[in-house]
Amino acid sequence: MAKKVVRRAQSKKTAAKSKTSKTSTKKAPARKRLDEATLMDRYPQVVKGTLAFNTSGRYKGKQSVKIDCEFAGCRTRREVATSDLFQISMCEPHVAEARKARRAEARKAKKAA
């Protein structure tokens, strides 16, 4: 009977050790928020005065800005998350148009080869 008590006590100790080793006491690093001047230096399509932190909607919990479409003659503005600025430079209709043109070019190249 004494052996059972000892075994139970040991199992409680090992359970306590495993619980403390699994939990982490480190805090996640704070996210660096970008300022508008830095964004405008890196990305010329950003419109001045449009940087905002969204608490609801499509970009909930993210910073977003408005950009001007870089397609020739188009002055349409589009809201995008700052994390997507490196890959977005046109409004949605012109992105679709450019994608369609790339696909047609690829088809022509494939047929010619």
PDB file of N, CA and C in Angstrom:
ATOM      1  N   MET A   1       0.811  -1.187   0.000  1.00  0.00           N
ATOM      2  CA  MET A   1       0.000   0.000   0.000  1.00  0.00           C
ATOM      3  C   MET A   1       0.864   1.265   0.000  1.00  0.00           C
ATOM      4  N   ALA A   2       1.969   1.193   0.669  1.00  0.00           N
ATOM      5  CA  ALA A   2       2.867   2.342   0.727  1.00  0.00           C
ATOM      6  C   ALA A   2       3.456   2.623  -0.656  1.00  0.00           C
ATOM      7  N   LYS A   3       3.690   1.579  -1.442  1.00  0.00           N
ATOM      8  CA  LYS A   3       4.240   1.769  -2.775  1.00  0.00           C
ATOM      9  C   LYS A   3       3.290   2.562  -3.664  1.00  0.00           C
ATOM     10  N   LYS A   4       2.004   2.326  -3.541  1.00  0.00           N
ATOM     11  CA  LYS A   4       1.033   3.058  -4.342  1.00  0.00           C
ATOM     12  C   LYS A   4       1.064   4.550  -4.028  1.00  0.00           C
ATOM     13  N   VAL A   5       1.197   4.899  -2.775  1.00  0.00           N
ATOM     14  CA  VAL A   5       1.249   6.300  -2.370  1.00  0.00           C
ATOM     15  C   VAL A   5       2.485   6.966  -2.962  1.00  0.00           C
ATOM     16  N   VAL A   6       3.612   6.281  -2.910  1.00  0.00           N
ATOM     17  CA  VAL A   6       4.861   6.812  -3.449  1.00  0.00           C
ATOM     18  C   VAL A   6       4.724   7.015  -4.954  1.00  0.00           C
ATOM     19  N   ARG A   7       4.151   6.062  -5.632  1.00  0.00           N
ATOM     20  CA  ARG A   7       3.970   6.182  -7.077  1.00  0.00           C
ATOM     21  C   ARG A   7       3.071   7.364  -7.420  1.00  0.00           C
ATOM     22  N   ARG A   8       2.029   7.552  -6.665  1.00  0.00           N
ATOM     23  CA  ARG A   8       1.136   8.683  -6.917  1.00  0.00           C
ATOM     24  C   ARG A   8       1.870  10.006  -6.704  1.00  0.00           C
ATOM     25  N   ALA A   9       2.662  10.090  -5.675  1.00  0.00           N
ATOM     26  CA  ALA A   9       3.402  11.312  -5.392  1.00  0.00           C
ATOM     27  C   ALA A   9       4.404  11.591  -6.518  1.00  0.00           C
ATOM     28  N   GLN A  10       5.061  10.548  -7.023  1.00  0.00           N
ATOM     29  CA  GLN A  10       6.012  10.731  -8.108  1.00  0.00           C
ATOM     30  C   GLN A  10       5.305  11.176  -9.384  1.00  0.00           C
ATOM     31  N   SER A  11       4.181  10.601  -9.657  1.00  0.00           N
ATOM     32  CA  SER A  11       3.469  10.979 -10.870  1.00  0.00           C
ATOM     33  C   SER A  11       2.981  12.425 -10.798  1.00  0.00           C
ATOM     34  N   LYS A  12       2.610  12.894  -9.616  1.00  0.00           N
ATOM     35  CA  LYS A  12       2.203  14.283  -9.463  1.00  0.00           C
ATOM     36  C   LYS A  12       3.384  15.218  -9.709  1.00  0.00           C
ATOM     37  N   LYS A  13       4.560  14.829  -9.226  1.00  0.00           N
ATOM     38  CA  LYS A  13       5.752  15.654  -9.432  1.00  0.00           C
ATOM     39  C   LYS A  13       6.110  15.731 -10.914  1.00  0.00           C
ATOM     40  N   THR A  14       6.081  14.603 -11.590  1.00  0.00           N
ATOM     41  CA  THR A  14       6.422  14.614 -13.008  1.00  0.00           C
ATOM     42  C   THR A  14       5.381  15.372 -13.812  1.00  0.00           C
ATOM     43  N   ALA A  15       4.128  15.281 -13.393  1.00  0.00           N
ATOM     44  CA  ALA A  15       3.079  16.030 -14.079  1.00  0.00           C
ATOM     45  C   ALA A  15       3.297  17.527 -13.891  1.00  0.00           C
ATOM     46  N   ALA A  16       3.698  17.929 -12.699  1.00  0.00           N
ATOM     47  CA  ALA A  16       3.950  19.347 -12.440  1.00  0.00           C
ATOM     48  C   ALA A  16       5.138  19.836 -13.261  1.00  0.00           C
ATOM     49  N   LYS A  17       6.179  19.012 -13.373  1.00  0.00           N
ATOM     50  CA  LYS A  17       7.336  19.389 -14.164  1.00  0.00           C
ATOM     51  C   LYS A  17       6.981  19.531 -15.635  1.00  0.00           C
ATOM     52  N   SER A  18       6.195  18.603 -16.142  1.00  0.00           N
ATOM     53  CA  SER A  18       5.846  18.659 -17.557  1.00  0.00           C
ATOM     54  C   SER A  18       4.958  19.864 -17.864  1.00  0.00           C
ATOM     55  N   LYS A  19       4.106  20.247 -16.921  1.00  0.00           N
ATOM     56  CA  LYS A  19       3.255  21.413 -17.136  1.00  0.00           C
ATOM     57  C   LYS A  19       4.088  22.692 -17.193  1.00  0.00           C
ATOM     58  N   THR A  20       5.050  22.819 -16.284  1.00  0.00           N
ATOM     59  CA  THR A  20       5.851  24.038 -16.272  1.00  0.00           C
ATOM     60  C   THR A  20       6.793  24.104 -17.463  1.00  0.00           C
ATOM     61  N   SER A  21       7.262  22.982 -17.952  1.00  0.00           N
ATOM     62  CA  SER A  21       8.177  23.013 -19.087  1.00  0.00           C
ATOM     63  C   SER A  21       7.454  23.306 -20.402  1.00  0.00           C
ATOM     64  N   LYS A  22       6.170  22.990 -20.486  1.00  0.00           N
ATOM     65  CA  LYS A  22       5.421  23.232 -21.713  1.00  0.00           C
ATOM     66  C   LYS A  22       4.999  24.687 -21.861  1.00  0.00           C
ATOM     67  N   THR A  23       4.749  25.351 -20.754  1.00  0.00           N
ATOM     68  CA  THR A  23       4.311  26.734 -20.840  1.00  0.00           C
ATOM     69  C   THR A  23       5.506  27.652 -21.010  1.00  0.00           C
ATOM     70  N   SER A  24       5.313  28.679 -21.751  1.00  0.00           N
ATOM     71  CA  SER A  24       6.389  29.624 -22.004  1.00  0.00           C
ATOM     72  C   SER A  24       6.123  30.912 -21.244  1.00  0.00           C
ATOM     73  N   THR A  25       7.154  31.470 -20.659  1.00  0.00           N
ATOM     74  CA  THR A  25       7.004  32.720 -19.932  1.00  0.00           C
ATOM     75  C   THR A  25       7.420  33.916 -20.782  1.00  0.00           C
ATOM     76  N   LYS A  26       7.914  33.671 -21.988  1.00  0.00           N
ATOM     77  CA  LYS A  26       8.343  34.757 -22.856  1.00  0.00           C
ATOM     78  C   LYS A  26       7.130  35.444 -23.459  1.00  0.00           C
ATOM     79  N   LYS A  27       7.209  36.748 -23.587  1.00  0.00           N
ATOM     80  CA  LYS A  27       6.132  37.504 -24.217  1.00  0.00           C
ATOM     81  C   LYS A  27       6.458  37.690 -25.685  1.00  0.00           C
ATOM     82  N   ALA A  28       5.425  37.745 -26.484  1.00  0.00           N
ATOM     83  CA  ALA A  28       5.615  37.965 -27.913  1.00  0.00           C
ATOM     84  C   ALA A  28       6.114  39.392 -28.125  1.00  0.00           C
ATOM     85  N   PRO A  29       7.021  39.597 -29.083  1.00  0.00           N
ATOM     86  CA  PRO A  29       7.527  40.946 -29.318  1.00  0.00           C
ATOM     87  C   PRO A  29       6.429  41.855 -29.869  1.00  0.00           C
ATOM     88  N   ALA A  30       6.469  43.101 -29.480  1.00  0.00           N
ATOM     89  CA  ALA A  30       5.470  44.061 -29.963  1.00  0.00           C
ATOM     90  C   ALA A  30       5.681  44.313 -31.447  1.00  0.00           C
ATOM     91  N   ARG A  31       4.604  44.418 -32.187  1.00  0.00           N
ATOM     92  CA  ARG A  31       4.708  44.663 -33.627  1.00  0.00           C
ATOM     93  C   ARG A  31       5.115  46.102 -33.880  1.00  0.00           C
ATOM     94  N   LYS A  32       5.974  46.262 -34.837  1.00  0.00           N
ATOM     95  CA  LYS A  32       6.447  47.594 -35.183  1.00  0.00           C
ATOM     96  C   LYS A  32       5.447  48.231 -36.133  1.00  0.00           C
ATOM     97  N   ARG A  33       4.942  49.374 -35.760  1.00  0.00           N
ATOM     98  CA  ARG A  33       4.016  50.089 -36.628  1.00  0.00           C
ATOM     99  C   ARG A  33       4.800  51.011 -37.533  1.00  0.00           C
ATOM    100  N   LEU A  34       4.438  51.010 -38.785  1.00  0.00           N
ATOM    101  CA  LEU A  34       5.129  51.837 -39.756  1.00  0.00           C
ATOM    102  C   LEU A  34       4.545  53.243 -39.762  1.00  0.00           C
ATOM    103  N   ASP A  35       5.403  54.228 -39.951  1.00  0.00           N
ATOM    104  CA  ASP A  35       4.889  55.589 -40.070  1.00  0.00           C
ATOM    105  C   ASP A  35       4.726  55.940 -41.545  1.00  0.00           C
ATOM    106  N   GLU A  36       3.929  56.935 -41.783  1.00  0.00           N
ATOM    107  CA  GLU A  36       3.549  57.279 -43.152  1.00  0.00           C
ATOM    108  C   GLU A  36       4.733  57.734 -44.003  1.00  0.00           C
ATOM    109  N   ALA A  37       5.663  58.455 -43.406  1.00  0.00           N
ATOM    110  CA  ALA A  37       6.825  58.940 -44.161  1.00  0.00           C
ATOM    111  C   ALA A  37       7.655  57.767 -44.693  1.00  0.00           C
ATOM    112  N   THR A  38       7.840  56.742 -43.879  1.00  0.00           N
ATOM    113  CA  THR A  38       8.591  55.556 -44.305  1.00  0.00           C
ATOM    114  C   THR A  38       7.874  54.851 -45.451  1.00  0.00           C
ATOM    115  N   LEU A  39       6.564  54.715 -45.334  1.00  0.00           N
ATOM    116  CA  LEU A  39       5.790  54.055 -46.389  1.00  0.00           C
ATOM    117  C   LEU A  39       5.857  54.832 -47.698  1.00  0.00           C
ATOM    118  N   MET A  40       5.762  56.155 -47.615  1.00  0.00           N
ATOM    119  CA  MET A  40       5.792  56.962 -48.828  1.00  0.00           C
ATOM    120  C   MET A  40       7.171  56.938 -49.493  1.00  0.00           C
ATOM    121  N   ASP A  41       8.233  56.789 -48.702  1.00  0.00           N
ATOM    122  CA  ASP A  41       9.575  56.665 -49.277  1.00  0.00           C
ATOM    123  C   ASP A  41       9.726  55.351 -50.036  1.00  0.00           C
ATOM    124  N   ARG A  42       9.217  54.286 -49.448  1.00  0.00           N
ATOM    125  CA  ARG A  42       9.358  52.951 -50.057  1.00  0.00           C
ATOM    126  C   ARG A  42       8.386  52.722 -51.214  1.00  0.00           C
ATOM    127  N   TYR A  43       7.174  53.218 -51.071  1.00  0.00           N
ATOM    128  CA  TYR A  43       6.118  52.935 -52.041  1.00  0.00           C
ATOM    129  C   TYR A  43       5.516  54.245 -52.556  1.00  0.00           C
ATOM    130  N   PRO A  44       5.843  54.657 -53.777  1.00  0.00           N
ATOM    131  CA  PRO A  44       5.367  55.943 -54.295  1.00  0.00           C
ATOM    132  C   PRO A  44       3.858  55.997 -54.537  1.00  0.00           C
ATOM    133  N   GLN A  45       3.174  54.854 -54.585  1.00  0.00           N
ATOM    134  CA  GLN A  45       1.745  54.850 -54.862  1.00  0.00           C
ATOM    135  C   GLN A  45       0.894  55.206 -53.640  1.00  0.00           C
ATOM    136  N   VAL A  46       1.497  55.307 -52.445  1.00  0.00           N
ATOM    137  CA  VAL A  46       0.747  55.611 -51.224  1.00  0.00           C
ATOM    138  C   VAL A  46       0.275  57.065 -51.246  1.00  0.00           C
ATOM    139  N   VAL A  47      -0.983  57.280 -50.886  1.00  0.00           N
ATOM    140  CA  VAL A  47      -1.569  58.615 -50.826  1.00  0.00           C
ATOM    141  C   VAL A  47      -1.324  59.197 -49.433  1.00  0.00           C
ATOM    142  N   LYS A  48      -0.825  60.409 -49.381  1.00  0.00           N
ATOM    143  CA  LYS A  48      -0.498  61.056 -48.112  1.00  0.00           C
ATOM    144  C   LYS A  48      -1.766  61.273 -47.279  1.00  0.00           C
ATOM    145  N   GLY A  49      -1.657  60.986 -45.972  1.00  0.00           N
ATOM    146  CA  GLY A  49      -2.770  61.221 -45.055  1.00  0.00           C
ATOM    147  C   GLY A  49      -3.794  60.107 -44.977  1.00  0.00           C
ATOM    148  N   THR A  50      -3.501  58.931 -45.539  1.00  0.00           N
ATOM    149  CA  THR A  50      -4.502  57.856 -45.543  1.00  0.00           C
ATOM    150  C   THR A  50      -4.132  56.675 -44.652  1.00  0.00           C
ATOM    151  N   LEU A  51      -3.018  56.748 -43.940  1.00  0.00           N
ATOM    152  CA  LEU A  51      -2.614  55.651 -43.055  1.00  0.00           C
ATOM    153  C   LEU A  51      -3.577  55.568 -41.882  1.00  0.00           C
ATOM    154  N   ALA A  52      -4.124  54.370 -41.633  1.00  0.00           N
ATOM    155  CA  ALA A  52      -5.081  54.179 -40.547  1.00  0.00           C
ATOM    156  C   ALA A  52      -4.963  52.772 -39.984  1.00  0.00           C
ATOM    157  N   PHE A  53      -5.299  52.621 -38.706  1.00  0.00           N
ATOM    158  CA  PHE A  53      -5.376  51.305 -38.075  1.00  0.00           C
ATOM    159  C   PHE A  53      -6.841  50.927 -38.010  1.00  0.00           C
ATOM    160  N   ASN A  54      -7.201  49.802 -38.602  1.00  0.00           N
ATOM    161  CA  ASN A  54      -8.601  49.377 -38.687  1.00  0.00           C
ATOM    162  C   ASN A  54      -8.985  48.477 -37.522  1.00  0.00           C
ATOM    163  N   THR A  55     -10.118  48.762 -36.921  1.00  0.00           N
ATOM    164  CA  THR A  55     -10.629  47.929 -35.827  1.00  0.00           C
ATOM    165  C   THR A  55     -11.776  47.042 -36.291  1.00  0.00           C
ATOM    166  N   SER A  56     -12.231  47.243 -37.527  1.00  0.00           N
ATOM    167  CA  SER A  56     -13.284  46.392 -38.074  1.00  0.00           C
ATOM    168  C   SER A  56     -13.175  46.395 -39.587  1.00  0.00           C
ATOM    169  N   GLY A  57     -13.904  45.495 -40.215  1.00  0.00           N
ATOM    170  CA  GLY A  57     -13.930  45.445 -41.670  1.00  0.00           C
ATOM    171  C   GLY A  57     -12.911  44.479 -42.245  1.00  0.00           C
ATOM    172  N   ARG A  58     -12.602  44.681 -43.506  1.00  0.00           N
ATOM    173  CA  ARG A  58     -11.733  43.771 -44.253  1.00  0.00           C
ATOM    174  C   ARG A  58     -10.326  43.679 -43.661  1.00  0.00           C
ATOM    175  N   TYR A  59      -9.800  44.781 -43.186  1.00  0.00           N
ATOM    176  CA  TYR A  59      -8.434  44.814 -42.651  1.00  0.00           C
ATOM    177  C   TYR A  59      -8.433  44.980 -41.139  1.00  0.00           C
ATOM    178  N   LYS A  60      -9.297  44.290 -40.455  1.00  0.00           N
ATOM    179  CA  LYS A  60      -9.423  44.373 -39.007  1.00  0.00           C
ATOM    180  C   LYS A  60      -8.104  44.001 -38.333  1.00  0.00           C
ATOM    181  N   GLY A  61      -7.632  44.868 -37.458  1.00  0.00           N
ATOM    182  CA  GLY A  61      -6.400  44.605 -36.716  1.00  0.00           C
ATOM    183  C   GLY A  61      -5.137  44.899 -37.499  1.00  0.00           C
ATOM    184  N   LYS A  62      -5.260  45.554 -38.648  1.00  0.00           N
ATOM    185  CA  LYS A  62      -4.096  45.859 -39.488  1.00  0.00           C
ATOM    186  C   LYS A  62      -4.072  47.342 -39.829  1.00  0.00           C
ATOM    187  N   GLN A  63      -2.891  47.796 -40.204  1.00  0.00           N
ATOM    188  CA  GLN A  63      -2.772  49.143 -40.741  1.00  0.00           C
ATOM    189  C   GLN A  63      -3.098  49.085 -42.220  1.00  0.00           C
ATOM    190  N   SER A  64      -3.754  50.121 -42.708  1.00  0.00           N
ATOM    191  CA  SER A  64      -4.060  50.171 -44.134  1.00  0.00           C
ATOM    192  C   SER A  64      -3.811  51.574 -44.656  1.00  0.00           C
ATOM    193  N   VAL A  65      -3.619  51.662 -45.966  1.00  0.00           N
ATOM    194  CA  VAL A  65      -3.438  52.942 -46.642  1.00  0.00           C
ATOM    195  C   VAL A  65      -4.214  52.904 -47.946  1.00  0.00           C
ATOM    196  N   LYS A  66      -4.396  54.064 -48.544  1.00  0.00           N
ATOM    197  CA  LYS A  66      -4.987  54.128 -49.875  1.00  0.00           C
ATOM    198  C   LYS A  66      -3.862  54.391 -50.860  1.00  0.00           C
ATOM    199  N   ILE A  67      -3.970  53.760 -52.028  1.00  0.00           N
ATOM    200  CA  ILE A  67      -2.956  53.940 -53.059  1.00  0.00           C
ATOM    201  C   ILE A  67      -3.622  54.453 -54.334  1.00  0.00           C
ATOM    202  N   ASP A  68      -2.829  55.145 -55.143  1.00  0.00           N
ATOM    203  CA  ASP A  68      -3.284  55.563 -56.472  1.00  0.00           C
ATOM    204  C   ASP A  68      -2.879  54.481 -57.455  1.00  0.00           C
ATOM    205  N   CYS A  69      -3.754  54.167 -58.391  1.00  0.00           N
ATOM    206  CA  CYS A  69      -3.457  53.181 -59.419  1.00  0.00           C
ATOM    207  C   CYS A  69      -2.319  53.701 -60.296  1.00  0.00           C
ATOM    208  N   GLU A  70      -1.340  52.849 -60.603  1.00  0.00           N
ATOM    209  CA  GLU A  70      -0.198  53.249 -61.413  1.00  0.00           C
ATOM    210  C   GLU A  70      -0.412  53.017 -62.903  1.00  0.00           C
ATOM    211  N   PHE A  71      -1.601  52.574 -63.279  1.00  0.00           N
ATOM    212  CA  PHE A  71      -1.908  52.381 -64.683  1.00  0.00           C
ATOM    213  C   PHE A  71      -2.014  53.755 -65.341  1.00  0.00           C
ATOM    214  N   ALA A  72      -1.512  53.889 -66.558  1.00  0.00           N
ATOM    215  CA  ALA A  72      -1.475  55.186 -67.237  1.00  0.00           C
ATOM    216  C   ALA A  72      -2.870  55.805 -67.357  1.00  0.00           C
ATOM    217  N   GLY A  73      -3.021  57.015 -66.824  1.00  0.00           N
ATOM    218  CA  GLY A  73      -4.277  57.740 -66.944  1.00  0.00           C
ATOM    219  C   GLY A  73      -5.325  57.415 -65.890  1.00  0.00           C
ATOM    220  N   CYS A  74      -5.130  56.411 -65.089  1.00  0.00           N
ATOM    221  CA  CYS A  74      -6.109  56.019 -64.070  1.00  0.00           C
ATOM    222  C   CYS A  74      -5.755  56.681 -62.737  1.00  0.00           C
ATOM    223  N   ARG A  75      -6.717  57.325 -62.112  1.00  0.00           N
ATOM    224  CA  ARG A  75      -6.497  57.963 -60.816  1.00  0.00           C
ATOM    225  C   ARG A  75      -7.379  57.332 -59.742  1.00  0.00           C
ATOM    226  N   THR A  76      -7.759  56.089 -59.931  1.00  0.00           N
ATOM    227  CA  THR A  76      -8.597  55.387 -58.968  1.00  0.00           C
ATOM    228  C   THR A  76      -7.795  55.092 -57.707  1.00  0.00           C
ATOM    229  N   ARG A  77      -8.450  55.183 -56.551  1.00  0.00           N
ATOM    230  CA  ARG A  77      -7.796  54.869 -55.283  1.00  0.00           C
ATOM    231  C   ARG A  77      -8.313  53.539 -54.765  1.00  0.00           C
ATOM    232  N   ARG A  78      -7.412  52.820 -54.101  1.00  0.00           N
ATOM    233  CA  ARG A  78      -7.728  51.494 -53.570  1.00  0.00           C
ATOM    234  C   ARG A  78      -7.149  51.380 -52.172  1.00  0.00           C
ATOM    235  N   GLU A  79      -7.922  50.834 -51.234  1.00  0.00           N
ATOM    236  CA  GLU A  79      -7.430  50.630 -49.875  1.00  0.00           C
ATOM    237  C   GLU A  79      -6.766  49.261 -49.792  1.00  0.00           C
ATOM    238  N   VAL A  80      -5.542  49.234 -49.255  1.00  0.00           N
ATOM    239  CA  VAL A  80      -4.808  47.984 -49.101  1.00  0.00           C
ATOM    240  C   VAL A  80      -4.132  47.955 -47.735  1.00  0.00           C
ATOM    241  N   ALA A  81      -3.861  46.763 -47.246  1.00  0.00           N
ATOM    242  CA  ALA A  81      -3.116  46.601 -45.999  1.00  0.00           C
ATOM    243  C   ALA A  81      -1.652  46.952 -46.264  1.00  0.00           C
ATOM    244  N   THR A  82      -0.989  47.499 -45.274  1.00  0.00           N
ATOM    245  CA  THR A  82       0.407  47.879 -45.457  1.00  0.00           C
ATOM    246  C   THR A  82       1.293  46.665 -45.717  1.00  0.00           C
ATOM    247  N   SER A  83       0.869  45.515 -45.253  1.00  0.00           N
ATOM    248  CA  SER A  83       1.650  44.295 -45.484  1.00  0.00           C
ATOM    249  C   SER A  83       1.598  43.849 -46.942  1.00  0.00           C
ATOM    250  N   ASP A  84       0.647  44.372 -47.726  1.00  0.00           N
ATOM    251  CA  ASP A  84       0.504  43.992 -49.127  1.00  0.00           C
ATOM    252  C   ASP A  84       1.064  45.028 -50.096  1.00  0.00           C
ATOM    253  N   LEU A  85       1.606  46.116 -49.595  1.00  0.00           N
ATOM    254  CA  LEU A  85       2.068  47.197 -50.466  1.00  0.00           C
ATOM    255  C   LEU A  85       3.145  46.769 -51.450  1.00  0.00           C
ATOM    256  N   PHE A  86       3.988  45.830 -51.065  1.00  0.00           N
ATOM    257  CA  PHE A  86       5.083  45.423 -51.945  1.00  0.00           C
ATOM    258  C   PHE A  86       4.590  44.735 -53.210  1.00  0.00           C
ATOM    259  N   GLN A  87       3.363  44.248 -53.222  1.00  0.00           N
ATOM    260  CA  GLN A  87       2.865  43.504 -54.381  1.00  0.00           C
ATOM    261  C   GLN A  87       1.663  44.138 -55.068  1.00  0.00           C
ATOM    262  N   ILE A  88       1.144  45.238 -54.542  1.00  0.00           N
ATOM    263  CA  ILE A  88      -0.031  45.866 -55.134  1.00  0.00           C
ATOM    264  C   ILE A  88       0.315  47.278 -55.584  1.00  0.00           C
ATOM    265  N   SER A  89       0.005  47.581 -56.851  1.00  0.00           N
ATOM    266  CA  SER A  89       0.259  48.928 -57.343  1.00  0.00           C
ATOM    267  C   SER A  89      -0.860  49.450 -58.248  1.00  0.00           C
ATOM    268  N   MET A  90      -1.850  48.608 -58.541  1.00  0.00           N
ATOM    269  CA  MET A  90      -2.934  49.017 -59.432  1.00  0.00           C
ATOM    270  C   MET A  90      -4.287  48.755 -58.787  1.00  0.00           C
ATOM    271  N   CYS A  91      -5.321  49.403 -59.347  1.00  0.00           N
ATOM    272  CA  CYS A  91      -6.682  49.163 -58.876  1.00  0.00           C
ATOM    273  C   CYS A  91      -7.128  47.775 -59.352  1.00  0.00           C
ATOM    274  N   GLU A  92      -8.201  47.263 -58.773  1.00  0.00           N
ATOM    275  CA  GLU A  92      -8.640  45.896 -59.072  1.00  0.00           C
ATOM    276  C   GLU A  92      -9.003  45.660 -60.537  1.00  0.00           C
ATOM    277  N   PRO A  93      -9.706  46.583 -61.217  1.00  0.00           N
ATOM    278  CA  PRO A  93     -10.002  46.336 -62.638  1.00  0.00           C
ATOM    279  C   PRO A  93      -8.738  46.250 -63.509  1.00  0.00           C
ATOM    280  N   HIS A  94      -7.747  47.091 -63.214  1.00  0.00           N
ATOM    281  CA  HIS A  94      -6.524  47.059 -64.008  1.00  0.00           C
ATOM    282  C   HIS A  94      -5.646  45.845 -63.681  1.00  0.00           C
ATOM    283  N   VAL A  95      -5.724  45.362 -62.458  1.00  0.00           N
ATOM    284  CA  VAL A  95      -5.010  44.131 -62.095  1.00  0.00           C
ATOM    285  C   VAL A  95      -5.580  42.968 -62.905  1.00  0.00           C
ATOM    286  N   ALA A  96      -6.902  42.893 -62.999  1.00  0.00           N
ATOM    287  CA  ALA A  96      -7.547  41.829 -63.766  1.00  0.00           C
ATOM    288  C   ALA A  96      -7.187  41.937 -65.249  1.00  0.00           C
ATOM    289  N   GLU A  97      -7.163  43.168 -65.759  1.00  0.00           N
ATOM    290  CA  GLU A  97      -6.814  43.393 -67.163  1.00  0.00           C
ATOM    291  C   GLU A  97      -5.367  42.980 -67.450  1.00  0.00           C
ATOM    292  N   ALA A  98      -4.458  43.335 -66.551  1.00  0.00           N
ATOM    293  CA  ALA A  98      -3.042  42.980 -66.720  1.00  0.00           C
ATOM    294  C   ALA A  98      -2.845  41.464 -66.637  1.00  0.00           C
ATOM    295  N   ARG A  99      -3.570  40.812 -65.733  1.00  0.00           N
ATOM    296  CA  ARG A  99      -3.479  39.354 -65.600  1.00  0.00           C
ATOM    297  C   ARG A  99      -3.956  38.669 -66.878  1.00  0.00           C
ATOM    298  N   LYS A 100      -5.038  39.171 -67.439  1.00  0.00           N
ATOM    299  CA  LYS A 100      -5.591  38.616 -68.682  1.00  0.00           C
ATOM    300  C   LYS A 100      -4.594  38.777 -69.822  1.00  0.00           C
ATOM    301  N   ALA A 101      -3.929  39.923 -69.895  1.00  0.00           N
ATOM    302  CA  ALA A 101      -2.935  40.162 -70.941  1.00  0.00           C
ATOM    303  C   ALA A 101      -1.719  39.238 -70.778  1.00  0.00           C
ATOM    304  N   ARG A 102      -1.278  39.023 -69.528  1.00  0.00           N
ATOM    305  CA  ARG A 102      -0.144  38.105 -69.282  1.00  0.00           C
ATOM    306  C   ARG A 102      -0.493  36.689 -69.708  1.00  0.00           C
ATOM    307  N   ARG A 103      -1.699  36.252 -69.407  1.00  0.00           N
ATOM    308  CA  ARG A 103      -2.119  34.902 -69.784  1.00  0.00           C
ATOM    309  C   ARG A 103      -2.191  34.753 -71.303  1.00  0.00           C
ATOM    310  N   ALA A 104      -2.699  35.778 -71.995  1.00  0.00           N
ATOM    311  CA  ALA A 104      -2.779  35.724 -73.465  1.00  0.00           C
ATOM    312  C   ALA A 104      -1.370  35.671 -74.059  1.00  0.00           C
ATOM    313  N   GLU A 105      -0.453  36.437 -73.506  1.00  0.00           N
ATOM    314  CA  GLU A 105       0.942  36.429 -73.980  1.00  0.00           C
ATOM    315  C   GLU A 105       1.575  35.042 -73.770  1.00  0.00           C
ATOM    316  N   ALA A 106       1.300  34.431 -72.623  1.00  0.00           N
ATOM    317  CA  ALA A 106       1.840  33.102 -72.343  1.00  0.00           C
ATOM    318  C   ALA A 106       1.279  32.060 -73.306  1.00  0.00           C
ATOM    319  N   ARG A 107      -0.018  32.179 -73.653  1.00  0.00           N
ATOM    320  CA  ARG A 107      -0.619  31.261 -74.626  1.00  0.00           C
ATOM    321  C   ARG A 107       0.030  31.409 -75.990  1.00  0.00           C
ATOM    322  N   LYS A 108       0.270  32.657 -76.411  1.00  0.00           N
ATOM    323  CA  LYS A 108       0.910  32.897 -77.708  1.00  0.00           C
ATOM    324  C   LYS A 108       2.314  32.310 -77.738  1.00  0.00           C
ATOM    325  N   ALA A 109       3.057  32.502 -76.655  1.00  0.00           N
ATOM    326  CA  ALA A 109       4.410  31.966 -76.586  1.00  0.00           C
ATOM    327  C   ALA A 109       4.413  30.446 -76.606  1.00  0.00           C
ATOM    328  N   LYS A 110       3.439  29.867 -75.948  1.00  0.00           N
ATOM    329  CA  LYS A 110       3.351  28.405 -75.905  1.00  0.00           C
ATOM    330  C   LYS A 110       2.995  27.829 -77.279  1.00  0.00           C
ATOM    331  N   LYS A 111       2.104  28.513 -78.017  1.00  0.00           N
ATOM    332  CA  LYS A 111       1.729  28.054 -79.347  1.00  0.00           C
ATOM    333  C   LYS A 111       2.889  28.212 -80.335  1.00  0.00           C
ATOM    334  N   ALA A 112       3.648  29.282 -80.182  1.00  0.00           N
ATOM    335  CA  ALA A 112       4.768  29.546 -81.083  1.00  0.00           C
ATOM    336  C   ALA A 112       5.906  28.555 -80.870  1.00  0.00           C
ATOM    337  N   ALA A 113       6.038  28.037 -79.674  1.00  0.00           N
ATOM    338  CA  ALA A 113       7.142  27.117 -79.372  1.00  0.00           C
ATOM    339  C   ALA A 113       6.907  25.719 -79.842  1.00  0.00           C
TER     340      ALA A 113
END
